[in-house]
Amino acid sequence: VYWATGTALTTPHGPLEVGQLPPLEQSMRVHEGEQIVLTRSLEPV
C-alpha cells in the first residue's frame, strides 16, 4: 500500500482520512562518466 496525505478511508462506521505524512527524501542516482555540478546557490534543487 502506498499511503498518501489525504487518502480517504472507508469504514463500516464512517469515513476517515490520512493526516500529514513527511515528504520523501529525494536523491539522484549518478554513474561513472556522468557530470555533477556543485553550485554556490543553496536553494533546493
All heavy atoms as atom14 arrays in JSON, in Angstrom:
{
  "sequence": "VYWATGTALTTPHGPLEVGQLPPLEQSMRVHEGEQIVLTRSLEPV",
  "atom14_mask": [
    [1, 1, 1, 1, 1, 1, 1, 0, 0, 0, 0, 0, 0, 0],
    [1, 1, 1, 1, 1, 1, 1, 1, 1, 1, 1, 1, 0, 0],
    [1, 1, 1, 1, 1, 1, 1, 1, 1, 1, 1, 1, 1, 1],
    [1, 1, 1, 1, 1, 0, 0, 0, 0, 0, 0, 0, 0, 0],
    [1, 1, 1, 1, 1, 1, 1, 0, 0, 0, 0, 0, 0, 0],
    [1, 1, 1, 1, 0, 0, 0, 0, 0, 0, 0, 0, 0, 0],
    [1, 1, 1, 1, 1, 1, 1, 0, 0, 0, 0, 0, 0, 0],
    [1, 1, 1, 1, 1, 0, 0, 0, 0, 0, 0, 0, 0, 0],
    [1, 1, 1, 1, 1, 1, 1, 1, 0, 0, 0, 0, 0, 0],
    [1, 1, 1, 1, 1, 1, 1, 0, 0, 0, 0, 0, 0, 0],
    [1, 1, 1, 1, 1, 1, 1, 0, 0, 0, 0, 0, 0, 0],
    [1, 1, 1, 1, 1, 1, 1, 0, 0, 0, 0, 0, 0, 0],
    [1, 1, 1, 1, 1, 1, 1, 1, 1, 1, 0, 0, 0, 0],
    [1, 1, 1, 1, 0, 0, 0, 0, 0, 0, 0, 0, 0, 0],
    [1, 1, 1, 1, 1, 1, 1, 0, 0, 0, 0, 0, 0, 0],
    [1, 1, 1, 1, 1, 1, 1, 1, 0, 0, 0, 0, 0, 0],
    [1, 1, 1, 1, 1, 1, 1, 1, 1, 0, 0, 0, 0, 0],
    [1, 1, 1, 1, 1, 1, 1, 0, 0, 0, 0, 0, 0, 0],
    [1, 1, 1, 1, 0, 0, 0, 0, 0, 0, 0, 0, 0, 0],
    [1, 1, 1, 1, 1, 1, 1, 1, 1, 0, 0, 0, 0, 0],
    [1, 1, 1, 1, 1, 1, 1, 1, 0, 0, 0, 0, 0, 0],
    [1, 1, 1, 1, 1, 1, 1, 0, 0, 0, 0, 0, 0, 0],
    [1, 1, 1, 1, 1, 1, 1, 0, 0, 0, 0, 0, 0, 0],
    [1, 1, 1, 1, 1, 1, 1, 1, 0, 0, 0, 0, 0, 0],
    [1, 1, 1, 1, 1, 1, 1, 1, 1, 0, 0, 0, 0, 0],
    [1, 1, 1, 1, 1, 1, 1, 1, 1, 0, 0, 0, 0, 0],
    [1, 1, 1, 1, 1, 1, 0, 0, 0, 0, 0, 0, 0, 0],
    [1, 1, 1, 1, 1, 1, 1, 1, 0, 0, 0, 0, 0, 0],
    [1, 1, 1, 1, 1, 1, 1, 1, 1, 1, 1, 0, 0, 0],
    [1, 1, 1, 1, 1, 1, 1, 0, 0, 0, 0, 0, 0, 0],
    [1, 1, 1, 1, 1, 1, 1, 1, 1, 1, 0, 0, 0, 0],
    [1, 1, 1, 1, 1, 1, 1, 1, 1, 0, 0, 0, 0, 0],
    [1, 1, 1, 1, 0, 0, 0, 0, 0, 0, 0, 0, 0, 0],
    [1, 1, 1, 1, 1, 1, 1, 1, 1, 0, 0, 0, 0, 0],
    [1, 1, 1, 1, 1, 1, 1, 1, 1, 0, 0, 0, 0, 0],
    [1, 1, 1, 1, 1, 1, 1, 1, 0, 0, 0, 0, 0, 0],
    [1, 1, 1, 1, 1, 1, 1, 0, 0, 0, 0, 0, 0, 0],
    [1, 1, 1, 1, 1, 1, 1, 1, 0, 0, 0, 0, 0, 0],
    [1, 1, 1, 1, 1, 1, 1, 0, 0, 0, 0, 0, 0, 0],
    [1, 1, 1, 1, 1, 1, 1, 1, 1, 1, 1, 0, 0, 0],
    [1, 1, 1, 1, 1, 1, 0, 0, 0, 0, 0, 0, 0, 0],
    [1, 1, 1, 1, 1, 1, 1, 1, 0, 0, 0, 0, 0, 0],
    [1, 1, 1, 1, 1, 1, 1, 1, 1, 0, 0, 0, 0, 0],
    [1, 1, 1, 1, 1, 1, 1, 0, 0, 0, 0, 0, 0, 0],
    [1, 1, 1, 1, 1, 1, 1, 0, 0, 0, 0, 0, 0, 0]
  ],
  "atom14_positions": [
    [[0.85, -1.18, 0.0], [0.0, 0.0, 0.0], [0.89, 1.24, 0.0], [1.81, 1.35, 0.82], [-0.93, 0.03, 1.23], [-1.82, 1.29, 1.2], [-1.79, -1.22, 1.29], [0.0, 0.0, 0.0], [0.0, 0.0, 0.0], [0.0, 0.0, 0.0], [0.0, 0.0, 0.0], [0.0, 0.0, 0.0], [0.0, 0.0, 0.0], [0.0, 0.0, 0.0]],
    [[0.61, 2.17, -0.92], [1.27, 3.47, -0.93], [0.34, 4.48, -0.23], [-0.62, 4.96, -0.81], [1.55, 3.92, -2.37], [2.73, 3.21, -3.01], [2.61, 1.92, -3.49], [3.96, 3.85, -3.13], [3.68, 1.27, -4.07], [5.04, 3.22, -3.71], [4.9, 1.92, -4.18], [5.97, 1.29, -4.76], [0.0, 0.0, 0.0], [0.0, 0.0, 0.0]],
    [[0.64, 4.76, 1.02], [-0.17, 5.68, 1.8], [0.23, 7.12, 1.44], [1.41, 7.42, 1.3], [0.05, 5.45, 3.29], [-0.37, 4.1, 3.77], [0.34, 2.95, 3.7], [-1.62, 3.77, 4.38], [-0.36, 1.9, 4.24], [-1.58, 2.38, 4.67], [-2.76, 4.5, 4.72], [-2.63, 1.72, 5.27], [-3.81, 3.83, 5.34], [-3.75, 2.47, 5.61]],
    [[-0.77, 8.0, 1.32], [-0.51, 9.39, 0.97], [-1.31, 10.32, 1.86], [-2.4, 9.94, 2.35], [-0.86, 9.66, -0.5], [0.0, 0.0, 0.0], [0.0, 0.0, 0.0], [0.0, 0.0, 0.0], [0.0, 0.0, 0.0], [0.0, 0.0, 0.0], [0.0, 0.0, 0.0], [0.0, 0.0, 0.0], [0.0, 0.0, 0.0], [0.0, 0.0, 0.0]],
    [[-0.79, 11.51, 2.08], [-1.54, 12.52, 2.82], [-2.89, 12.77, 2.14], [-2.96, 12.97, 0.93], [-0.75, 13.84, 2.88], [0.48, 13.6, 3.58], [-1.53, 14.93, 3.6], [0.0, 0.0, 0.0], [0.0, 0.0, 0.0], [0.0, 0.0, 0.0], [0.0, 0.0, 0.0], [0.0, 0.0, 0.0], [0.0, 0.0, 0.0], [0.0, 0.0, 0.0]],
    [[-3.96, 12.73, 2.92], [-5.29, 12.98, 2.39], [-6.01, 11.75, 1.86], [-7.15, 11.86, 1.4], [0.0, 0.0, 0.0], [0.0, 0.0, 0.0], [0.0, 0.0, 0.0], [0.0, 0.0, 0.0], [0.0, 0.0, 0.0], [0.0, 0.0, 0.0], [0.0, 0.0, 0.0], [0.0, 0.0, 0.0], [0.0, 0.0, 0.0], [0.0, 0.0, 0.0]],
    [[-5.36, 10.58, 1.89], [-6.03, 9.37, 1.41], [-7.32, 9.12, 2.2], [-7.31, 9.14, 3.44], [-5.1, 8.15, 1.53], [-3.97, 8.33, 0.68], [-5.82, 6.87, 1.14], [0.0, 0.0, 0.0], [0.0, 0.0, 0.0], [0.0, 0.0, 0.0], [0.0, 0.0, 0.0], [0.0, 0.0, 0.0], [0.0, 0.0, 0.0], [0.0, 0.0, 0.0]],
    [[-8.42, 8.9, 1.48], [-9.7, 8.65, 2.12], [-9.84, 7.17, 2.47], [-9.53, 6.3, 1.65], [-10.84, 9.07, 1.2], [0.0, 0.0, 0.0], [0.0, 0.0, 0.0], [0.0, 0.0, 0.0], [0.0, 0.0, 0.0], [0.0, 0.0, 0.0], [0.0, 0.0, 0.0], [0.0, 0.0, 0.0], [0.0, 0.0, 0.0], [0.0, 0.0, 0.0]],
    [[-10.33, 6.9, 3.68], [-10.53, 5.54, 4.16], [-12.03, 5.32, 4.38], [-12.69, 6.13, 5.05], [-9.78, 5.3, 5.48], [-8.29, 5.68, 5.51], [-7.74, 5.47, 6.91], [-7.51, 4.86, 4.5], [0.0, 0.0, 0.0], [0.0, 0.0, 0.0], [0.0, 0.0, 0.0], [0.0, 0.0, 0.0], [0.0, 0.0, 0.0], [0.0, 0.0, 0.0]],
    [[-12.53, 4.25, 3.83], [-13.95, 3.91, 4.01], [-14.05, 2.78, 5.02], [-13.46, 1.71, 4.84], [-14.56, 3.47, 2.67], [-14.42, 4.52, 1.72], [-16.04, 3.15, 2.85], [0.0, 0.0, 0.0], [0.0, 0.0, 0.0], [0.0, 0.0, 0.0], [0.0, 0.0, 0.0], [0.0, 0.0, 0.0], [0.0, 0.0, 0.0], [0.0, 0.0, 0.0]],
    [[-14.83, 3.03, 6.09], [-15.01, 2.03, 7.14], [-16.5, 1.73, 7.29], [-17.35, 2.51, 6.85], [-14.43, 2.52, 8.49], [-15.43, 3.32, 9.15], [-13.16, 3.33, 8.31], [0.0, 0.0, 0.0], [0.0, 0.0, 0.0], [0.0, 0.0, 0.0], [0.0, 0.0, 0.0], [0.0, 0.0, 0.0], [0.0, 0.0, 0.0], [0.0, 0.0, 0.0]],
    [[-16.84, 0.63, 7.96], [-18.26, 0.32, 8.18], [-18.98, 1.35, 9.06], [-20.21, 1.35, 9.12], [-18.23, -1.05, 8.87], [-16.9, -1.63, 8.54], [-15.97, -0.48, 8.44], [0.0, 0.0, 0.0], [0.0, 0.0, 0.0], [0.0, 0.0, 0.0], [0.0, 0.0, 0.0], [0.0, 0.0, 0.0], [0.0, 0.0, 0.0], [0.0, 0.0, 0.0]],
    [[-18.2, 2.23, 9.7], [-18.81, 3.16, 10.67], [-18.58, 4.61, 10.29], [-18.8, 5.5, 11.1], [-18.25, 2.88, 12.07], [-18.39, 1.45, 12.47], [-19.59, 0.91, 12.9], [-17.5, 0.43, 12.49], [-19.42, -0.38, 13.17], [-18.16, -0.7, 12.93], [0.0, 0.0, 0.0], [0.0, 0.0, 0.0], [0.0, 0.0, 0.0], [0.0, 0.0, 0.0]],
    [[-18.11, 4.88, 9.09], [-17.92, 6.25, 8.65], [-16.55, 6.45, 8.03], [-15.68, 5.57, 8.07], [0.0, 0.0, 0.0], [0.0, 0.0, 0.0], [0.0, 0.0, 0.0], [0.0, 0.0, 0.0], [0.0, 0.0, 0.0], [0.0, 0.0, 0.0], [0.0, 0.0, 0.0], [0.0, 0.0, 0.0], [0.0, 0.0, 0.0], [0.0, 0.0, 0.0]],
    [[-16.32, 7.64, 7.44], [-15.05, 7.9, 6.75], [-13.93, 8.32, 7.71], [-14.19, 8.9, 8.77], [-15.41, 9.04, 5.8], [-16.48, 9.78, 6.53], [-17.28, 8.74, 7.27], [0.0, 0.0, 0.0], [0.0, 0.0, 0.0], [0.0, 0.0, 0.0], [0.0, 0.0, 0.0], [0.0, 0.0, 0.0], [0.0, 0.0, 0.0], [0.0, 0.0, 0.0]],
    [[-12.71, 8.05, 7.29], [-11.5, 8.55, 7.94], [-10.58, 9.1, 6.86], [-10.74, 8.79, 5.67], [-10.79, 7.45, 8.73], [-11.51, 6.88, 9.95], [-10.77, 5.66, 10.49], [-11.67, 7.94, 11.04], [0.0, 0.0, 0.0], [0.0, 0.0, 0.0], [0.0, 0.0, 0.0], [0.0, 0.0, 0.0], [0.0, 0.0, 0.0], [0.0, 0.0, 0.0]],
    [[-9.58, 9.87, 7.26], [-8.65, 10.45, 6.28], [-7.24, 10.43, 6.84], [-7.02, 10.71, 8.04], [-9.07, 11.89, 5.96], [-8.19, 12.58, 4.92], [-8.63, 14.0, 4.64], [-9.85, 14.22, 4.52], [-7.76, 14.9, 4.57], [0.0, 0.0, 0.0], [0.0, 0.0, 0.0], [0.0, 0.0, 0.0], [0.0, 0.0, 0.0], [0.0, 0.0, 0.0]],
    [[-6.27, 10.09, 5.97], [-4.86, 10.09, 6.39], [-4.38, 11.52, 6.6], [-4.64, 12.41, 5.78], [-3.99, 9.37, 5.34], [-2.51, 9.5, 5.69], [-4.39, 7.91, 5.24], [0.0, 0.0, 0.0], [0.0, 0.0, 0.0], [0.0, 0.0, 0.0], [0.0, 0.0, 0.0], [0.0, 0.0, 0.0], [0.0, 0.0, 0.0], [0.0, 0.0, 0.0]],
    [[-3.68, 11.74, 7.7], [-3.17, 13.07, 8.01], [-1.86, 13.37, 7.29], [-1.49, 12.69, 6.32], [0.0, 0.0, 0.0], [0.0, 0.0, 0.0], [0.0, 0.0, 0.0], [0.0, 0.0, 0.0], [0.0, 0.0, 0.0], [0.0, 0.0, 0.0], [0.0, 0.0, 0.0], [0.0, 0.0, 0.0], [0.0, 0.0, 0.0], [0.0, 0.0, 0.0]],
    [[-1.15, 14.37, 7.81], [0.06, 14.86, 7.15], [1.21, 13.88, 7.33], [1.64, 13.57, 8.44], [0.46, 16.23, 7.74], [1.61, 16.9, 7.04], [1.17, 17.69, 5.83], [0.25, 17.28, 5.12], [1.79, 18.81, 5.58], [0.0, 0.0, 0.0], [0.0, 0.0, 0.0], [0.0, 0.0, 0.0], [0.0, 0.0, 0.0], [0.0, 0.0, 0.0]],
    [[1.72, 13.36, 6.22], [2.89, 12.49, 6.22], [4.14, 13.31, 5.88], [4.04, 14.34, 5.2], [2.72, 11.38, 5.18], [1.59, 10.38, 5.43], [1.42, 9.46, 4.24], [1.88, 9.56, 6.68], [0.0, 0.0, 0.0], [0.0, 0.0, 0.0], [0.0, 0.0, 0.0], [0.0, 0.0, 0.0], [0.0, 0.0, 0.0], [0.0, 0.0, 0.0]],
    [[5.3, 12.88, 6.33], [6.52, 13.61, 5.97], [6.85, 13.41, 4.5], [6.55, 12.36, 3.93], [7.58, 12.97, 6.87], [7.08, 11.59, 7.13], [5.58, 11.71, 7.19], [0.0, 0.0, 0.0], [0.0, 0.0, 0.0], [0.0, 0.0, 0.0], [0.0, 0.0, 0.0], [0.0, 0.0, 0.0], [0.0, 0.0, 0.0], [0.0, 0.0, 0.0]],
    [[7.46, 14.41, 3.86], [7.84, 14.24, 2.46], [8.96, 13.22, 2.31], [9.8, 13.06, 3.19], [8.3, 15.64, 2.04], [8.74, 16.28, 3.32], [7.86, 15.72, 4.39], [0.0, 0.0, 0.0], [0.0, 0.0, 0.0], [0.0, 0.0, 0.0], [0.0, 0.0, 0.0], [0.0, 0.0, 0.0], [0.0, 0.0, 0.0], [0.0, 0.0, 0.0]],
    [[8.98, 12.53, 1.2], [10.04, 11.57, 0.93], [11.35, 12.29, 0.66], [11.39, 13.32, -0.03], [9.68, 10.72, -0.3], [8.55, 9.7, -0.13], [8.28, 9.03, -1.47], [8.92, 8.66, 0.91], [0.0, 0.0, 0.0], [0.0, 0.0, 0.0], [0.0, 0.0, 0.0], [0.0, 0.0, 0.0], [0.0, 0.0, 0.0], [0.0, 0.0, 0.0]],
    [[12.43, 11.75, 1.21], [13.76, 12.27, 0.89], [14.09, 11.9, -0.55], [13.94, 10.75, -0.96], [14.81, 11.67, 1.82], [16.21, 12.15, 1.54], [17.27, 11.42, 2.35], [17.01, 10.27, 2.75], [18.33, 12.0, 2.56], [0.0, 0.0, 0.0], [0.0, 0.0, 0.0], [0.0, 0.0, 0.0], [0.0, 0.0, 0.0], [0.0, 0.0, 0.0]],
    [[14.52, 12.87, -1.32], [14.83, 12.65, -2.72], [16.34, 12.5, -2.92], [17.14, 12.99, -2.12], [14.32, 13.81, -3.58], [12.8, 13.97, -3.53], [12.08, 12.84, -4.25], [11.9, 11.76, -3.69], [11.68, 13.09, -5.48], [0.0, 0.0, 0.0], [0.0, 0.0, 0.0], [0.0, 0.0, 0.0], [0.0, 0.0, 0.0], [0.0, 0.0, 0.0]],
    [[16.72, 11.84, -3.99], [18.13, 11.68, -4.34], [18.23, 11.54, -5.85], [17.23, 11.4, -6.55], [18.73, 10.45, -3.65], [18.07, 9.27, -4.06], [0.0, 0.0, 0.0], [0.0, 0.0, 0.0], [0.0, 0.0, 0.0], [0.0, 0.0, 0.0], [0.0, 0.0, 0.0], [0.0, 0.0, 0.0], [0.0, 0.0, 0.0], [0.0, 0.0, 0.0]],
    [[19.47, 11.59, -6.33], [19.73, 11.43, -7.76], [20.77, 10.34, -7.94], [21.83, 10.4, -7.31], [20.22, 12.77, -8.36], [19.17, 13.87, -8.3], [19.78, 15.5, -8.87], [20.55, 16.14, -7.38], [0.0, 0.0, 0.0], [0.0, 0.0, 0.0], [0.0, 0.0, 0.0], [0.0, 0.0, 0.0], [0.0, 0.0, 0.0], [0.0, 0.0, 0.0]],
    [[20.47, 9.35, -8.75], [21.41, 8.24, -8.95], [22.4, 8.59, -10.05], [22.01, 8.81, -11.2], [20.67, 6.94, -9.28], [21.61, 5.73, -9.35], [20.84, 4.44, -9.4], [20.17, 4.15, -8.15], [20.75, 3.56, -7.1], [22.05, 3.24, -7.15], [20.07, 3.31, -6.01], [0.0, 0.0, 0.0], [0.0, 0.0, 0.0], [0.0, 0.0, 0.0]],
    [[23.68, 8.64, -9.69], [24.71, 9.02, -10.64], [25.58, 7.81, -10.97], [25.71, 6.88, -10.17], [25.58, 10.17, -10.09], [24.73, 11.37, -9.72], [26.38, 9.72, -8.86], [0.0, 0.0, 0.0], [0.0, 0.0, 0.0], [0.0, 0.0, 0.0], [0.0, 0.0, 0.0], [0.0, 0.0, 0.0], [0.0, 0.0, 0.0], [0.0, 0.0, 0.0]],
    [[26.18, 7.85, -12.16], [27.01, 6.74, -12.64], [28.35, 7.28, -13.13], [28.5, 8.48, -13.38], [26.3, 6.01, -13.79], [24.97, 5.44, -13.41], [23.81, 6.2, -13.39], [24.62, 4.18, -13.02], [22.8, 5.43, -13.02], [23.26, 4.2, -12.79], [0.0, 0.0, 0.0], [0.0, 0.0, 0.0], [0.0, 0.0, 0.0], [0.0, 0.0, 0.0]],
    [[29.32, 6.39, -13.24], [30.64, 6.77, -13.72], [30.53, 7.43, -15.1], [29.75, 7.0, -15.95], [31.55, 5.54, -13.81], [31.96, 4.98, -12.47], [32.94, 3.84, -12.59], [33.57, 3.73, -13.67], [33.08, 3.06, -11.63], [0.0, 0.0, 0.0], [0.0, 0.0, 0.0], [0.0, 0.0, 0.0], [0.0, 0.0, 0.0], [0.0, 0.0, 0.0]],
    [[31.32, 8.48, -15.27], [31.33, 9.21, -16.54], [30.33, 10.33, -16.62], [30.41, 11.17, -17.53], [0.0, 0.0, 0.0], [0.0, 0.0, 0.0], [0.0, 0.0, 0.0], [0.0, 0.0, 0.0], [0.0, 0.0, 0.0], [0.0, 0.0, 0.0], [0.0, 0.0, 0.0], [0.0, 0.0, 0.0], [0.0, 0.0, 0.0], [0.0, 0.0, 0.0]],
    [[29.38, 10.4, -15.7], [28.37, 11.46, -15.73], [28.87, 12.71, -15.0], [29.87, 12.68, -14.29], [27.06, 10.97, -15.11], [26.41, 9.86, -15.92], [25.1, 9.38, -15.34], [24.92, 9.47, -14.1], [24.24, 8.92, -16.12], [0.0, 0.0, 0.0], [0.0, 0.0, 0.0], [0.0, 0.0, 0.0], [0.0, 0.0, 0.0], [0.0, 0.0, 0.0]],
    [[28.15, 13.82, -15.18], [28.55, 15.11, -14.61], [27.69, 15.47, -13.4], [26.48, 15.28, -13.4], [28.42, 16.23, -15.65], [29.58, 16.35, -16.61], [29.51, 17.64, -17.41], [28.48, 18.31, -17.46], [30.61, 18.0, -18.05], [0.0, 0.0, 0.0], [0.0, 0.0, 0.0], [0.0, 0.0, 0.0], [0.0, 0.0, 0.0], [0.0, 0.0, 0.0]],
    [[28.38, 16.0, -12.39], [27.73, 16.65, -11.24], [28.22, 18.09, -11.22], [29.42, 18.34, -11.36], [28.09, 15.97, -9.92], [27.62, 14.52, -9.9], [27.51, 16.73, -8.73], [28.09, 13.73, -8.69], [0.0, 0.0, 0.0], [0.0, 0.0, 0.0], [0.0, 0.0, 0.0], [0.0, 0.0, 0.0], [0.0, 0.0, 0.0], [0.0, 0.0, 0.0]],
    [[27.31, 19.04, -11.05], [27.68, 20.45, -10.95], [27.37, 20.92, -9.54], [26.21, 20.94, -9.11], [26.92, 21.31, -11.98], [27.32, 22.78, -11.84], [27.19, 20.81, -13.4], [0.0, 0.0, 0.0], [0.0, 0.0, 0.0], [0.0, 0.0, 0.0], [0.0, 0.0, 0.0], [0.0, 0.0, 0.0], [0.0, 0.0, 0.0], [0.0, 0.0, 0.0]],
    [[28.43, 21.28, -8.8], [28.27, 21.87, -7.47], [28.08, 23.37, -7.63], [28.88, 24.02, -8.31], [29.5, 21.59, -6.6], [29.89, 20.11, -6.43], [31.19, 20.0, -5.63], [28.78, 19.34, -5.74], [0.0, 0.0, 0.0], [0.0, 0.0, 0.0], [0.0, 0.0, 0.0], [0.0, 0.0, 0.0], [0.0, 0.0, 0.0], [0.0, 0.0, 0.0]],
    [[27.03, 23.93, -7.05], [26.72, 25.34, -7.24], [26.83, 26.11, -5.93], [26.66, 25.55, -4.84], [25.29, 25.51, -7.8], [24.34, 25.19, -6.77], [25.07, 24.6, -9.0], [0.0, 0.0, 0.0], [0.0, 0.0, 0.0], [0.0, 0.0, 0.0], [0.0, 0.0, 0.0], [0.0, 0.0, 0.0], [0.0, 0.0, 0.0], [0.0, 0.0, 0.0]],
    [[27.08, 27.39, -6.05], [27.16, 28.26, -4.87], [25.77, 28.44, -4.25], [25.64, 28.65, -3.05], [27.76, 29.61, -5.28], [28.04, 30.54, -4.11], [28.52, 31.89, -4.6], [29.85, 31.8, -5.19], [30.98, 31.98, -4.52], [30.93, 32.23, -3.21], [32.14, 31.92, -5.11], [0.0, 0.0, 0.0], [0.0, 0.0, 0.0], [0.0, 0.0, 0.0]],
    [[24.73, 28.38, -5.07], [23.36, 28.57, -4.57], [22.96, 27.41, -3.67], [23.21, 26.25, -3.99], [22.38, 28.67, -5.74], [21.05, 28.63, -5.27], [0.0, 0.0, 0.0], [0.0, 0.0, 0.0], [0.0, 0.0, 0.0], [0.0, 0.0, 0.0], [0.0, 0.0, 0.0], [0.0, 0.0, 0.0], [0.0, 0.0, 0.0], [0.0, 0.0, 0.0]],
    [[22.31, 27.74, -2.56], [21.83, 26.72, -1.64], [20.31, 26.62, -1.65], [19.71, 26.11, -0.69], [22.36, 27.0, -0.23], [23.88, 26.9, -0.07], [24.3, 27.23, 1.35], [24.37, 25.51, -0.46], [0.0, 0.0, 0.0], [0.0, 0.0, 0.0], [0.0, 0.0, 0.0], [0.0, 0.0, 0.0], [0.0, 0.0, 0.0], [0.0, 0.0, 0.0]],
    [[19.7, 27.09, -2.72], [18.27, 26.88, -2.89], [18.02, 25.4, -3.2], [18.82, 24.76, -3.89], [17.74, 27.75, -4.03], [17.75, 29.24, -3.73], [16.82, 29.59, -2.58], [15.7, 29.04, -2.54], [17.22, 30.4, -1.73], [0.0, 0.0, 0.0], [0.0, 0.0, 0.0], [0.0, 0.0, 0.0], [0.0, 0.0, 0.0], [0.0, 0.0, 0.0]],
    [[16.91, 24.84, -2.71], [16.62, 23.43, -3.02], [16.53, 23.19, -4.52], [15.94, 23.99, -5.25], [15.27, 23.2, -2.33], [15.19, 24.23, -1.26], [15.91, 25.43, -1.8], [0.0, 0.0, 0.0], [0.0, 0.0, 0.0], [0.0, 0.0, 0.0], [0.0, 0.0, 0.0], [0.0, 0.0, 0.0], [0.0, 0.0, 0.0], [0.0, 0.0, 0.0]],
    [[17.15, 22.11, -4.97], [17.14, 21.79, -6.4], [16.23, 20.6, -6.64], [16.04, 19.75, -5.76], [18.56, 21.46, -6.9], [19.48, 22.66, -6.72], [19.14, 20.25, -6.17], [0.0, 0.0, 0.0], [0.0, 0.0, 0.0], [0.0, 0.0, 0.0], [0.0, 0.0, 0.0], [0.0, 0.0, 0.0], [0.0, 0.0, 0.0], [0.0, 0.0, 0.0]]
  ]
}
